[in-house]
PDB file of all heavy atoms in Angstrom:
ATOM      1  N   LEU A   1       0.473  -8.486 -10.299  1.00  0.00           N
ATOM      2  CA  LEU A   1      -0.441  -8.455  -9.116  1.00  0.00           C
ATOM      3  C   LEU A   1      -1.376  -9.566  -9.133  1.00  0.00           C
ATOM      4  O   LEU A   1      -2.198  -9.695  -9.966  1.00  0.00           O
ATOM      5  CB  LEU A   1      -1.089  -7.190  -9.049  1.00  0.00           C
ATOM      6  CG  LEU A   1      -2.108  -6.945  -7.902  1.00  0.00           C
ATOM      7  CD1 LEU A   1      -1.418  -7.074  -6.537  1.00  0.00           C
ATOM      8  CD2 LEU A   1      -2.916  -5.690  -8.048  1.00  0.00           C
ATOM      9  N   THR A   2      -1.248 -10.470  -8.208  1.00  0.00           N
ATOM     10  CA  THR A   2      -2.221 -11.602  -7.925  1.00  0.00           C
ATOM     11  C   THR A   2      -2.292 -11.613  -6.377  1.00  0.00           C
ATOM     12  O   THR A   2      -1.464 -10.950  -5.746  1.00  0.00           O
ATOM     13  CB  THR A   2      -1.824 -12.879  -8.478  1.00  0.00           C
ATOM     14  OG1 THR A   2      -0.636 -13.241  -7.748  1.00  0.00           O
ATOM     15  CG2 THR A   2      -1.602 -12.876  -9.902  1.00  0.00           C
ATOM     16  N   PHE A   3      -3.401 -12.214  -5.875  1.00  0.00           N
ATOM     17  CA  PHE A   3      -3.481 -12.445  -4.445  1.00  0.00           C
ATOM     18  C   PHE A   3      -2.148 -13.111  -3.988  1.00  0.00           C
ATOM     19  O   PHE A   3      -1.650 -12.893  -2.801  1.00  0.00           O
ATOM     20  CB  PHE A   3      -4.724 -13.157  -4.050  1.00  0.00           C
ATOM     21  CG  PHE A   3      -4.645 -13.643  -2.709  1.00  0.00           C
ATOM     22  CD1 PHE A   3      -5.042 -12.747  -1.658  1.00  0.00           C
ATOM     23  CD2 PHE A   3      -4.314 -14.911  -2.256  1.00  0.00           C
ATOM     24  CE1 PHE A   3      -5.097 -13.059  -0.359  1.00  0.00           C
ATOM     25  CE2 PHE A   3      -4.417 -15.354  -0.936  1.00  0.00           C
ATOM     26  CZ  PHE A   3      -4.691 -14.434   0.082  1.00  0.00           C
ATOM     27  N   GLU A   4      -1.719 -14.223  -4.592  1.00  0.00           N
ATOM     28  CA  GLU A   4      -0.527 -14.953  -4.169  1.00  0.00           C
ATOM     29  C   GLU A   4       0.693 -14.254  -4.074  1.00  0.00           C
ATOM     30  O   GLU A   4       1.384 -14.271  -3.091  1.00  0.00           O
ATOM     31  CB  GLU A   4      -0.397 -16.087  -5.116  1.00  0.00           C
ATOM     32  CG  GLU A   4      -1.535 -17.165  -5.181  1.00  0.00           C
ATOM     33  CD  GLU A   4      -2.681 -16.999  -6.030  1.00  0.00           C
ATOM     34  OE1 GLU A   4      -2.706 -15.816  -6.587  1.00  0.00           O
ATOM     35  OE2 GLU A   4      -3.409 -17.884  -6.419  1.00  0.00           O
ATOM     36  N   SER A   5       0.884 -13.335  -5.213  1.00  0.00           N
ATOM     37  CA  SER A   5       2.025 -12.454  -5.222  1.00  0.00           C
ATOM     38  C   SER A   5       2.013 -11.540  -4.153  1.00  0.00           C
ATOM     39  O   SER A   5       3.143 -11.213  -3.605  1.00  0.00           O
ATOM     40  CB  SER A   5       2.316 -11.924  -6.535  1.00  0.00           C
ATOM     41  OG  SER A   5       1.232 -10.899  -6.850  1.00  0.00           O
ATOM     42  N   PHE A   6       0.905 -10.826  -3.921  1.00  0.00           N
ATOM     43  CA  PHE A   6       0.843  -9.832  -2.771  1.00  0.00           C
ATOM     44  C   PHE A   6       1.070 -10.469  -1.459  1.00  0.00           C
ATOM     45  O   PHE A   6       1.747  -9.945  -0.623  1.00  0.00           O
ATOM     46  CB  PHE A   6      -0.480  -9.188  -2.901  1.00  0.00           C
ATOM     47  CG  PHE A   6      -0.633  -7.942  -1.942  1.00  0.00           C
ATOM     48  CD1 PHE A   6      -0.283  -6.736  -2.402  1.00  0.00           C
ATOM     49  CD2 PHE A   6      -1.131  -8.120  -0.625  1.00  0.00           C
ATOM     50  CE1 PHE A   6      -0.499  -5.526  -1.547  1.00  0.00           C
ATOM     51  CE2 PHE A   6      -1.160  -7.011   0.303  1.00  0.00           C
ATOM     52  CZ  PHE A   6      -0.798  -5.765  -0.243  1.00  0.00           C
ATOM     53  N   LYS A   7       0.444 -11.579  -1.329  1.00  0.00           N
ATOM     54  CA  LYS A   7       0.643 -12.345  -0.043  1.00  0.00           C
ATOM     55  C   LYS A   7       2.108 -12.641   0.274  1.00  0.00           C
ATOM     56  O   LYS A   7       2.511 -12.482   1.432  1.00  0.00           O
ATOM     57  CB  LYS A   7      -0.233 -13.544  -0.006  1.00  0.00           C
ATOM     58  CG  LYS A   7      -0.288 -14.226   1.350  1.00  0.00           C
ATOM     59  CD  LYS A   7      -1.257 -15.499   1.357  1.00  0.00           C
ATOM     60  CE  LYS A   7      -1.283 -16.155   2.745  1.00  0.00           C
ATOM     61  NZ  LYS A   7      -2.230 -17.339   2.719  1.00  0.00           N
ATOM     62  N   LYS A   8       2.783 -13.173  -0.694  1.00  0.00           N
ATOM     63  CA  LYS A   8       4.206 -13.525  -0.612  1.00  0.00           C
ATOM     64  C   LYS A   8       5.017 -12.359  -0.279  1.00  0.00           C
ATOM     65  O   LYS A   8       5.957 -12.461   0.476  1.00  0.00           O
ATOM     66  CB  LYS A   8       4.624 -14.245  -1.872  1.00  0.00           C
ATOM     67  CG  LYS A   8       6.096 -14.795  -1.876  1.00  0.00           C
ATOM     68  CD  LYS A   8       6.427 -15.344  -3.153  1.00  0.00           C
ATOM     69  CE  LYS A   8       6.741 -14.380  -4.161  1.00  0.00           C
ATOM     70  NZ  LYS A   8       7.354 -14.866  -5.377  1.00  0.00           N
ATOM     71  N   GLU A   9       4.694 -11.188  -0.973  1.00  0.00           N
ATOM     72  CA  GLU A   9       5.705 -10.147  -0.881  1.00  0.00           C
ATOM     73  C   GLU A   9       5.239  -9.130   0.378  1.00  0.00           C
ATOM     74  O   GLU A   9       6.070  -8.657   0.983  1.00  0.00           O
ATOM     75  CB  GLU A   9       5.458  -9.236  -2.140  1.00  0.00           C
ATOM     76  CG  GLU A   9       6.135  -9.824  -3.280  1.00  0.00           C
ATOM     77  CD  GLU A   9       7.640 -10.071  -3.345  1.00  0.00           C
ATOM     78  OE1 GLU A   9       8.225  -9.265  -2.618  1.00  0.00           O
ATOM     79  OE2 GLU A   9       8.073 -10.934  -4.147  1.00  0.00           O
ATOM     80  N   CYS A  10       3.895  -9.223   0.716  1.00  0.00           N
ATOM     81  CA  CYS A  10       3.632  -8.158   1.735  1.00  0.00           C
ATOM     82  C   CYS A  10       2.829  -8.721   3.025  1.00  0.00           C
ATOM     83  O   CYS A  10       2.857  -8.095   3.916  1.00  0.00           O
ATOM     84  CB  CYS A  10       2.589  -7.201   1.001  1.00  0.00           C
ATOM     85  SG  CYS A  10       3.157  -6.358  -0.350  1.00  0.00           S
ATOM     86  N   LEU A  11       2.479  -9.967   2.985  1.00  0.00           N
ATOM     87  CA  LEU A  11       1.848 -10.652   4.054  1.00  0.00           C
ATOM     88  C   LEU A  11       2.370 -12.061   4.335  1.00  0.00           C
ATOM     89  O   LEU A  11       1.769 -12.936   4.783  1.00  0.00           O
ATOM     90  CB  LEU A  11       0.198 -10.734   3.758  1.00  0.00           C
ATOM     91  CG  LEU A  11      -0.445  -9.438   3.376  1.00  0.00           C
ATOM     92  CD1 LEU A  11      -1.855  -9.836   2.839  1.00  0.00           C
ATOM     93  CD2 LEU A  11      -0.510  -8.465   4.545  1.00  0.00           C
ATOM     94  N   SER A  12       3.617 -12.148   4.181  1.00  0.00           N
ATOM     95  CA  SER A  12       4.303 -13.473   4.243  1.00  0.00           C
ATOM     96  C   SER A  12       4.347 -14.173   5.463  1.00  0.00           C
ATOM     97  O   SER A  12       4.184 -15.384   5.593  1.00  0.00           O
ATOM     98  CB  SER A  12       5.842 -13.307   3.741  1.00  0.00           C
ATOM     99  OG  SER A  12       6.535 -12.422   4.550  1.00  0.00           O
ATOM    100  N   ASN A  13       4.156 -13.467   6.667  1.00  0.00           N
ATOM    101  CA  ASN A  13       4.287 -14.095   8.012  1.00  0.00           C
ATOM    102  C   ASN A  13       2.788 -14.373   8.414  1.00  0.00           C
ATOM    103  O   ASN A  13       2.594 -15.028   9.463  1.00  0.00           O
ATOM    104  CB  ASN A  13       4.873 -13.197   8.918  1.00  0.00           C
ATOM    105  CG  ASN A  13       6.433 -13.004   8.671  1.00  0.00           C
ATOM    106  OD1 ASN A  13       7.058 -13.947   8.266  1.00  0.00           O
ATOM    107  ND2 ASN A  13       6.919 -11.894   8.824  1.00  0.00           N
ATOM    108  N   GLY A  14       1.782 -13.831   7.770  1.00  0.00           N
ATOM    109  CA  GLY A  14       0.381 -13.987   8.214  1.00  0.00           C
ATOM    110  C   GLY A  14       0.083 -13.554   9.492  1.00  0.00           C
ATOM    111  O   GLY A  14      -0.839 -14.162  10.268  1.00  0.00           O
ATOM    112  N   LYS A  15       0.627 -12.446   9.839  1.00  0.00           N
ATOM    113  CA  LYS A  15       0.387 -11.922  11.252  1.00  0.00           C
ATOM    114  C   LYS A  15      -0.258 -10.514  11.164  1.00  0.00           C
ATOM    115  O   LYS A  15      -0.184  -9.903  10.079  1.00  0.00           O
ATOM    116  CB  LYS A  15       1.644 -11.714  12.051  1.00  0.00           C
ATOM    117  CG  LYS A  15       2.313 -13.071  12.429  1.00  0.00           C
ATOM    118  CD  LYS A  15       3.560 -12.938  13.274  1.00  0.00           C
ATOM    119  CE  LYS A  15       4.099 -14.249  13.613  1.00  0.00           C
ATOM    120  NZ  LYS A  15       3.105 -15.037  14.364  1.00  0.00           N
ATOM    121  N   PRO A  16      -1.023 -10.123  12.120  1.00  0.00           N
ATOM    122  CA  PRO A  16      -1.681  -8.705  12.121  1.00  0.00           C
ATOM    123  C   PRO A  16      -0.753  -7.631  11.806  1.00  0.00           C
ATOM    124  O   PRO A  16      -1.223  -6.635  11.165  1.00  0.00           O
ATOM    125  CB  PRO A  16      -2.251  -8.680  13.580  1.00  0.00           C
ATOM    126  CG  PRO A  16      -2.487 -10.071  14.049  1.00  0.00           C
ATOM    127  CD  PRO A  16      -1.396 -10.816  13.360  1.00  0.00           C
ATOM    128  N   ILE A  17       0.479  -7.684  12.385  1.00  0.00           N
ATOM    129  CA  ILE A  17       1.541  -6.604  12.069  1.00  0.00           C
ATOM    130  C   ILE A  17       1.664  -6.404  10.628  1.00  0.00           C
ATOM    131  O   ILE A  17       1.941  -5.299  10.136  1.00  0.00           O
ATOM    132  CB  ILE A  17       2.732  -6.765  12.907  1.00  0.00           C
ATOM    133  CG1 ILE A  17       3.654  -5.492  12.852  1.00  0.00           C
ATOM    134  CG2 ILE A  17       3.468  -8.041  12.375  1.00  0.00           C
ATOM    135  CD1 ILE A  17       3.041  -4.283  13.426  1.00  0.00           C
ATOM    136  N   ASP A  18       1.747  -7.702   9.804  1.00  0.00           N
ATOM    137  CA  ASP A  18       1.946  -7.447   8.182  1.00  0.00           C
ATOM    138  C   ASP A  18       0.831  -6.785   7.692  1.00  0.00           C
ATOM    139  O   ASP A  18       1.124  -5.976   6.787  1.00  0.00           O
ATOM    140  CB  ASP A  18       2.131  -8.979   7.878  1.00  0.00           C
ATOM    141  CG  ASP A  18       3.234  -9.809   8.293  1.00  0.00           C
ATOM    142  OD1 ASP A  18       4.267  -9.065   8.555  1.00  0.00           O
ATOM    143  OD2 ASP A  18       3.174 -10.885   8.341  1.00  0.00           O
ATOM    144  N   ALA A  19      -0.353  -6.972   8.107  1.00  0.00           N
ATOM    145  CA  ALA A  19      -1.410  -6.373   7.516  1.00  0.00           C
ATOM    146  C   ALA A  19      -1.543  -4.882   7.838  1.00  0.00           C
ATOM    147  O   ALA A  19      -1.887  -4.000   6.965  1.00  0.00           O
ATOM    148  CB  ALA A  19      -2.808  -7.066   8.029  1.00  0.00           C
ATOM    149  N   LYS A  20      -1.239  -4.579   9.096  1.00  0.00           N
ATOM    150  CA  LYS A  20      -1.239  -3.107   9.415  1.00  0.00           C
ATOM    151  C   LYS A  20      -0.094  -2.419   8.719  1.00  0.00           C
ATOM    152  O   LYS A  20      -0.258  -1.224   8.276  1.00  0.00           O
ATOM    153  CB  LYS A  20      -0.987  -3.050  11.023  1.00  0.00           C
ATOM    154  CG  LYS A  20      -2.196  -3.521  11.723  1.00  0.00           C
ATOM    155  CD  LYS A  20      -1.983  -3.764  13.207  1.00  0.00           C
ATOM    156  CE  LYS A  20      -3.169  -4.367  13.872  1.00  0.00           C
ATOM    157  NZ  LYS A  20      -2.920  -4.616  15.434  1.00  0.00           N
ATOM    158  N   LYS A  21       1.108  -2.972   8.543  1.00  0.00           N
ATOM    159  CA  LYS A  21       2.044  -2.357   7.773  1.00  0.00           C
ATOM    160  C   LYS A  21       1.683  -2.032   6.332  1.00  0.00           C
ATOM    161  O   LYS A  21       1.977  -1.151   5.743  1.00  0.00           O
ATOM    162  CB  LYS A  21       3.413  -3.125   7.918  1.00  0.00           C
ATOM    163  CG  LYS A  21       4.087  -3.062   9.159  1.00  0.00           C
ATOM    164  CD  LYS A  21       5.394  -3.928   9.183  1.00  0.00           C
ATOM    165  CE  LYS A  21       6.254  -3.774  10.494  1.00  0.00           C
ATOM    166  NZ  LYS A  21       7.475  -4.579  10.392  1.00  0.00           N
ATOM    167  N   ALA A  22       1.144  -3.241   5.782  1.00  0.00           N
ATOM    168  CA  ALA A  22       0.789  -2.995   4.315  1.00  0.00           C
ATOM    169  C   ALA A  22      -0.371  -1.970   4.180  1.00  0.00           C
ATOM    170  O   ALA A  22      -0.303  -1.273   3.319  1.00  0.00           O
ATOM    171  CB  ALA A  22       0.198  -4.426   3.933  1.00  0.00           C
ATOM    172  N   PHE A  23      -1.316  -1.970   5.125  1.00  0.00           N
ATOM    173  CA  PHE A  23      -2.295  -0.953   4.988  1.00  0.00           C
ATOM    174  C   PHE A  23      -1.872   0.474   5.144  1.00  0.00           C
ATOM    175  O   PHE A  23      -2.208   1.291   4.469  1.00  0.00           O
ATOM    176  CB  PHE A  23      -3.509  -1.182   6.051  1.00  0.00           C
ATOM    177  CG  PHE A  23      -4.807  -0.491   5.565  1.00  0.00           C
ATOM    178  CD1 PHE A  23      -5.681  -1.219   4.810  1.00  0.00           C
ATOM    179  CD2 PHE A  23      -5.054   0.737   6.027  1.00  0.00           C
ATOM    180  CE1 PHE A  23      -6.813  -0.732   4.481  1.00  0.00           C
ATOM    181  CE2 PHE A  23      -6.227   1.332   5.707  1.00  0.00           C
ATOM    182  CZ  PHE A  23      -7.222   0.545   4.901  1.00  0.00           C
ATOM    183  N   ASP A  24      -0.932   0.674   6.146  1.00  0.00           N
ATOM    184  CA  ASP A  24      -0.286   1.905   6.267  1.00  0.00           C
ATOM    185  C   ASP A  24       0.513   2.298   5.112  1.00  0.00           C
ATOM    186  O   ASP A  24       0.448   3.529   4.631  1.00  0.00           O
ATOM    187  CB  ASP A  24       0.603   1.788   7.401  1.00  0.00           C
ATOM    188  CG  ASP A  24       1.215   3.208   7.811  1.00  0.00           C
ATOM    189  OD1 ASP A  24       0.493   4.204   8.203  1.00  0.00           O
ATOM    190  OD2 ASP A  24       2.493   3.336   7.714  1.00  0.00           O
ATOM    191  N   GLY A  25       1.268   1.433   4.494  1.00  0.00           N
ATOM    192  CA  GLY A  25       1.935   1.658   3.169  1.00  0.00           C
ATOM    193  C   GLY A  25       0.906   2.030   1.989  1.00  0.00           C
ATOM    194  O   GLY A  25       1.308   3.029   1.316  1.00  0.00           O
ATOM    195  N   LEU A  26      -0.125   1.356   1.965  1.00  0.00           N
ATOM    196  CA  LEU A  26      -1.131   1.834   1.043  1.00  0.00           C
ATOM    197  C   LEU A  26      -1.687   3.057   1.218  1.00  0.00           C
ATOM    198  O   LEU A  26      -1.965   3.947   0.216  1.00  0.00           O
ATOM    199  CB  LEU A  26      -2.216   0.592   0.944  1.00  0.00           C
ATOM    200  CG  LEU A  26      -1.834  -0.696   0.364  1.00  0.00           C
ATOM    201  CD1 LEU A  26      -2.923  -1.763   0.636  1.00  0.00           C
ATOM    202  CD2 LEU A  26      -1.555  -0.619  -1.120  1.00  0.00           C
ATOM    203  N   ARG A  27      -1.956   3.410   2.392  1.00  0.00           N
ATOM    204  CA  ARG A  27      -2.498   4.776   2.793  1.00  0.00           C
ATOM    205  C   ARG A  27      -1.625   5.815   2.420  1.00  0.00           C
ATOM    206  O   ARG A  27      -2.103   6.909   1.821  1.00  0.00           O
ATOM    207  CB  ARG A  27      -2.806   4.767   4.277  1.00  0.00           C
ATOM    208  CG  ARG A  27      -3.330   6.092   4.852  1.00  0.00           C
ATOM    209  CD  ARG A  27      -3.391   6.256   6.349  1.00  0.00           C
ATOM    210  NE  ARG A  27      -4.386   5.374   6.821  1.00  0.00           N
ATOM    211  CZ  ARG A  27      -4.254   4.309   7.736  1.00  0.00           C
ATOM    212  NH1 ARG A  27      -2.969   4.161   8.198  1.00  0.00           N
ATOM    213  NH2 ARG A  27      -5.220   3.677   8.269  1.00  0.00           N
ATOM    214  N   ARG A  28      -0.305   5.678   2.596  1.00  0.00           N
ATOM    215  CA  ARG A  28       0.714   6.729   2.344  1.00  0.00           C
ATOM    216  C   ARG A  28       0.872   6.747   0.831  1.00  0.00           C
ATOM    217  O   ARG A  28       0.901   7.938   0.317  1.00  0.00           O
ATOM    218  CB  ARG A  28       2.069   6.309   2.988  1.00  0.00           C
ATOM    219  CG  ARG A  28       2.163   6.423   4.533  1.00  0.00           C
ATOM    220  CD  ARG A  28       3.427   5.853   5.079  1.00  0.00           C
ATOM    221  NE  ARG A  28       3.411   5.806   6.420  1.00  0.00           N
ATOM    222  CZ  ARG A  28       3.784   6.802   7.266  1.00  0.00           C
ATOM    223  NH1 ARG A  28       4.268   7.995   6.776  1.00  0.00           N
ATOM    224  NH2 ARG A  28       3.771   6.532   8.528  1.00  0.00           N
ATOM    225  N   LEU A  29       0.828   5.698   0.146  1.00  0.00           N
ATOM    226  CA  LEU A  29       0.948   5.813  -1.290  1.00  0.00           C
ATOM    227  C   LEU A  29      -0.333   6.528  -1.965  1.00  0.00           C
ATOM    228  O   LEU A  29      -0.258   7.210  -2.810  1.00  0.00           O
ATOM    229  CB  LEU A  29       1.096   4.283  -1.947  1.00  0.00           C
ATOM    230  CG  LEU A  29       1.242   4.191  -3.412  1.00  0.00           C
ATOM    231  CD1 LEU A  29       2.402   5.007  -3.930  1.00  0.00           C
ATOM    232  CD2 LEU A  29       1.275   2.573  -3.771  1.00  0.00           C
ATOM    233  N   GLN A  30      -1.591   6.049  -1.417  1.00  0.00           N
ATOM    234  CA  GLN A  30      -2.700   6.754  -1.929  1.00  0.00           C
ATOM    235  C   GLN A  30      -2.734   8.266  -1.716  1.00  0.00           C
ATOM    236  O   GLN A  30      -3.034   8.989  -2.486  1.00  0.00           O
ATOM    237  CB  GLN A  30      -3.976   6.139  -1.158  1.00  0.00           C
ATOM    238  CG  GLN A  30      -5.231   6.812  -1.398  1.00  0.00           C
ATOM    239  CD  GLN A  30      -5.849   6.685  -2.884  1.00  0.00           C
ATOM    240  OE1 GLN A  30      -5.260   5.660  -3.512  1.00  0.00           O
ATOM    241  NE2 GLN A  30      -6.635   7.429  -3.352  1.00  0.00           N
ATOM    242  N   LYS A  31      -2.088   8.705  -0.514  1.00  0.00           N
ATOM    243  CA  LYS A  31      -2.024  10.191  -0.395  1.00  0.00           C
ATOM    244  C   LYS A  31      -1.057  10.810  -1.398  1.00  0.00           C
ATOM    245  O   LYS A  31      -1.325  11.958  -1.818  1.00  0.00           O
ATOM    246  CB  LYS A  31      -1.362  10.461   1.003  1.00  0.00           C
ATOM    247  CG  LYS A  31      -1.461  11.857   1.470  1.00  0.00           C
ATOM    248  CD  LYS A  31      -1.101  12.224   2.815  1.00  0.00           C
ATOM    249  CE  LYS A  31      -1.260  13.672   3.282  1.00  0.00           C
ATOM    250  NZ  LYS A  31      -0.572  14.581   2.364  1.00  0.00           N
ATOM    251  N   ARG A  32       0.040  10.147  -1.785  1.00  0.00           N
ATOM    252  CA  ARG A  32       0.778  10.666  -2.802  1.00  0.00           C
ATOM    253  C   ARG A  32       0.193  10.703  -4.186  1.00  0.00           C
ATOM    254  O   ARG A  32       0.335  11.905  -4.880  1.00  0.00           O
ATOM    255  CB  ARG A  32       2.187   9.774  -3.021  1.00  0.00           C
ATOM    256  CG  ARG A  32       3.034   9.859  -1.857  1.00  0.00           C
ATOM    257  CD  ARG A  32       4.545   9.418  -2.204  1.00  0.00           C
ATOM    258  NE  ARG A  32       4.493   8.050  -2.342  1.00  0.00           N
ATOM    259  CZ  ARG A  32       4.720   7.087  -1.419  1.00  0.00           C
ATOM    260  NH1 ARG A  32       4.907   7.448  -0.118  1.00  0.00           N
ATOM    261  NH2 ARG A  32       4.886   5.734  -1.738  1.00  0.00           N
ATOM    262  N   PHE A  33      -0.695   9.852  -4.476  1.00  0.00           N
ATOM    263  CA  PHE A  33      -1.410   9.863  -5.669  1.00  0.00           C
ATOM    264  C   PHE A  33      -2.442  11.085  -5.609  1.00  0.00           C
ATOM    265  O   PHE A  33      -2.521  11.993  -6.608  1.00  0.00           O
ATOM    266  CB  PHE A  33      -2.256   8.636  -5.966  1.00  0.00           C
ATOM    267  CG  PHE A  33      -1.571   7.550  -6.596  1.00  0.00           C
ATOM    268  CD1 PHE A  33      -1.323   6.287  -5.957  1.00  0.00           C
ATOM    269  CD2 PHE A  33      -1.122   7.596  -7.990  1.00  0.00           C
ATOM    270  CE1 PHE A  33      -0.386   5.366  -6.520  1.00  0.00           C
ATOM    271  CE2 PHE A  33      -0.275   6.574  -8.437  1.00  0.00           C
ATOM    272  CZ  PHE A  33      -0.134   5.460  -7.891  1.00  0.00           C
ATOM    273  N   GLU A  34      -3.092  11.250  -4.541  1.00  0.00           N
ATOM    274  CA  GLU A  34      -4.044  12.262  -4.291  1.00  0.00           C
ATOM    275  C   GLU A  34      -3.346  13.632  -4.330  1.00  0.00           C
ATOM    276  O   GLU A  34      -3.970  14.662  -4.900  1.00  0.00           O
ATOM    277  CB  GLU A  34      -5.073  12.006  -3.049  1.00  0.00           C
ATOM    278  CG  GLU A  34      -5.904  10.867  -3.259  1.00  0.00           C
ATOM    279  CD  GLU A  34      -6.677  10.624  -2.012  1.00  0.00           C
ATOM    280  OE1 GLU A  34      -6.872  11.576  -1.130  1.00  0.00           O
ATOM    281  OE2 GLU A  34      -7.293   9.494  -1.800  1.00  0.00           O
ATOM    282  N   ASP A  35      -2.265  13.836  -3.672  1.00  0.00           N
ATOM    283  CA  ASP A  35      -1.557  15.108  -3.605  1.00  0.00           C
ATOM    284  C   ASP A  35      -1.148  15.396  -5.016  1.00  0.00           C
ATOM    285  O   ASP A  35      -1.321  16.701  -5.413  1.00  0.00           O
ATOM    286  CB  ASP A  35      -0.265  14.985  -2.736  1.00  0.00           C
ATOM    287  CG  ASP A  35      -0.754  14.922  -1.196  1.00  0.00           C
ATOM    288  OD1 ASP A  35      -1.896  15.244  -0.986  1.00  0.00           O
ATOM    289  OD2 ASP A  35       0.069  14.608  -0.336  1.00  0.00           O
ATOM    290  N   ALA A  36      -0.556  14.541  -5.820  1.00  0.00           N
ATOM    291  CA  ALA A  36      -0.174  14.863  -7.170  1.00  0.00           C
ATOM    292  C   ALA A  36      -1.315  15.153  -7.937  1.00  0.00           C
ATOM    293  O   ALA A  36      -1.339  16.039  -8.922  1.00  0.00           O
ATOM    294  CB  ALA A  36       0.489  13.485  -7.789  1.00  0.00           C
ATOM    295  N   PHE A  37      -2.528  14.538  -7.809  1.00  0.00           N
ATOM    296  CA  PHE A  37      -3.532  14.794  -8.607  1.00  0.00           C
ATOM    297  C   PHE A  37      -4.254  16.197  -8.412  1.00  0.00           C
ATOM    298  O   PHE A  37      -4.734  16.900  -9.220  1.00  0.00           O
ATOM    299  CB  PHE A  37      -4.814  13.693  -8.354  1.00  0.00           C
ATOM    300  CG  PHE A  37      -6.006  13.943  -9.164  1.00  0.00           C
ATOM    301  CD1 PHE A  37      -6.064  13.516 -10.425  1.00  0.00           C
ATOM    302  CD2 PHE A  37      -7.157  14.393  -8.561  1.00  0.00           C
ATOM    303  CE1 PHE A  37      -7.237  13.751 -11.292  1.00  0.00           C
ATOM    304  CE2 PHE A  37      -8.241  14.664  -9.293  1.00  0.00           C
ATOM    305  CZ  PHE A  37      -8.293  14.355 -10.608  1.00  0.00           C
ATOM    306  N   ASN A  38      -4.227  16.563  -7.023  1.00  0.00           N
ATOM    307  CA  ASN A  38      -4.774  17.868  -6.520  1.00  0.00           C
ATOM    308  C   ASN A  38      -4.038  19.043  -6.976  1.00  0.00           C
ATOM    309  O   ASN A  38      -4.515  20.121  -6.825  1.00  0.00           O
ATOM    310  CB  ASN A  38      -5.121  17.821  -5.128  1.00  0.00           C
ATOM    311  CG  ASN A  38      -6.131  16.793  -4.738  1.00  0.00           C
ATOM    312  OD1 ASN A  38      -7.063  16.402  -5.409  1.00  0.00           O
ATOM    313  ND2 ASN A  38      -6.082  16.255  -3.517  1.00  0.00           N
ATOM    314  N   GLY A  39      -2.700  18.966  -7.221  1.00  0.00           N
ATOM    315  CA  GLY A  39      -1.946  20.152  -7.685  1.00  0.00           C
ATOM    316  C   GLY A  39      -1.955  20.302  -9.172  1.00  0.00           C
ATOM    317  O   GLY A  39      -1.558  19.463  -9.967  1.00  0.00           O
ATOM    318  N   PRO A  40      -2.583  21.360  -9.687  1.00  0.00           N
ATOM    319  CA  PRO A  40      -2.635  21.545 -11.078  1.00  0.00           C
ATOM    320  C   PRO A  40      -1.287  21.286 -11.970  1.00  0.00           C
ATOM    321  O   PRO A  40      -1.350  20.757 -12.876  1.00  0.00           O
ATOM    322  CB  PRO A  40      -3.157  23.057 -11.226  1.00  0.00           C
ATOM    323  CG  PRO A  40      -3.678  23.261  -9.839  1.00  0.00           C
ATOM    324  CD  PRO A  40      -2.996  22.570  -8.938  1.00  0.00           C
ATOM    325  N   LYS A  41      -0.216  21.758 -11.480  1.00  0.00           N
ATOM    326  CA  LYS A  41       1.064  21.646 -12.202  1.00  0.00           C
ATOM    327  C   LYS A  41       1.453  20.056 -12.255  1.00  0.00           C
ATOM    328  O   LYS A  41       1.680  19.643 -13.395  1.00  0.00           O
ATOM    329  CB  LYS A  41       2.150  22.424 -11.487  1.00  0.00           C
ATOM    330  CG  LYS A  41       3.455  22.579 -12.289  1.00  0.00           C
ATOM    331  CD  LYS A  41       4.482  23.350 -11.558  1.00  0.00           C
ATOM    332  CE  LYS A  41       4.105  24.755 -11.484  1.00  0.00           C
ATOM    333  NZ  LYS A  41       5.075  25.541 -10.761  1.00  0.00           N
ATOM    334  N   THR A  42       1.536  19.514 -11.029  1.00  0.00           N
ATOM    335  CA  THR A  42       1.987  18.159 -11.079  1.00  0.00           C
ATOM    336  C   THR A  42       0.885  17.187 -11.726  1.00  0.00           C
ATOM    337  O   THR A  42       1.234  16.178 -12.405  1.00  0.00           O
ATOM    338  CB  THR A  42       2.187  17.623  -9.567  1.00  0.00           C
ATOM    339  OG1 THR A  42       1.041  17.952  -8.808  1.00  0.00           O
ATOM    340  CG2 THR A  42       3.259  18.245  -8.946  1.00  0.00           C
TER     341      THR A  42
END
């Protein structure tokens, strides 16, 4: 993970839609982390 690698993989076109897709993906991933953390078994 570096700024350059993230930009190449996730923001390659440099457009607002790229940023919005990346942020939505991060939001969904964060929820998976939090859901797993909040369930005692998982």
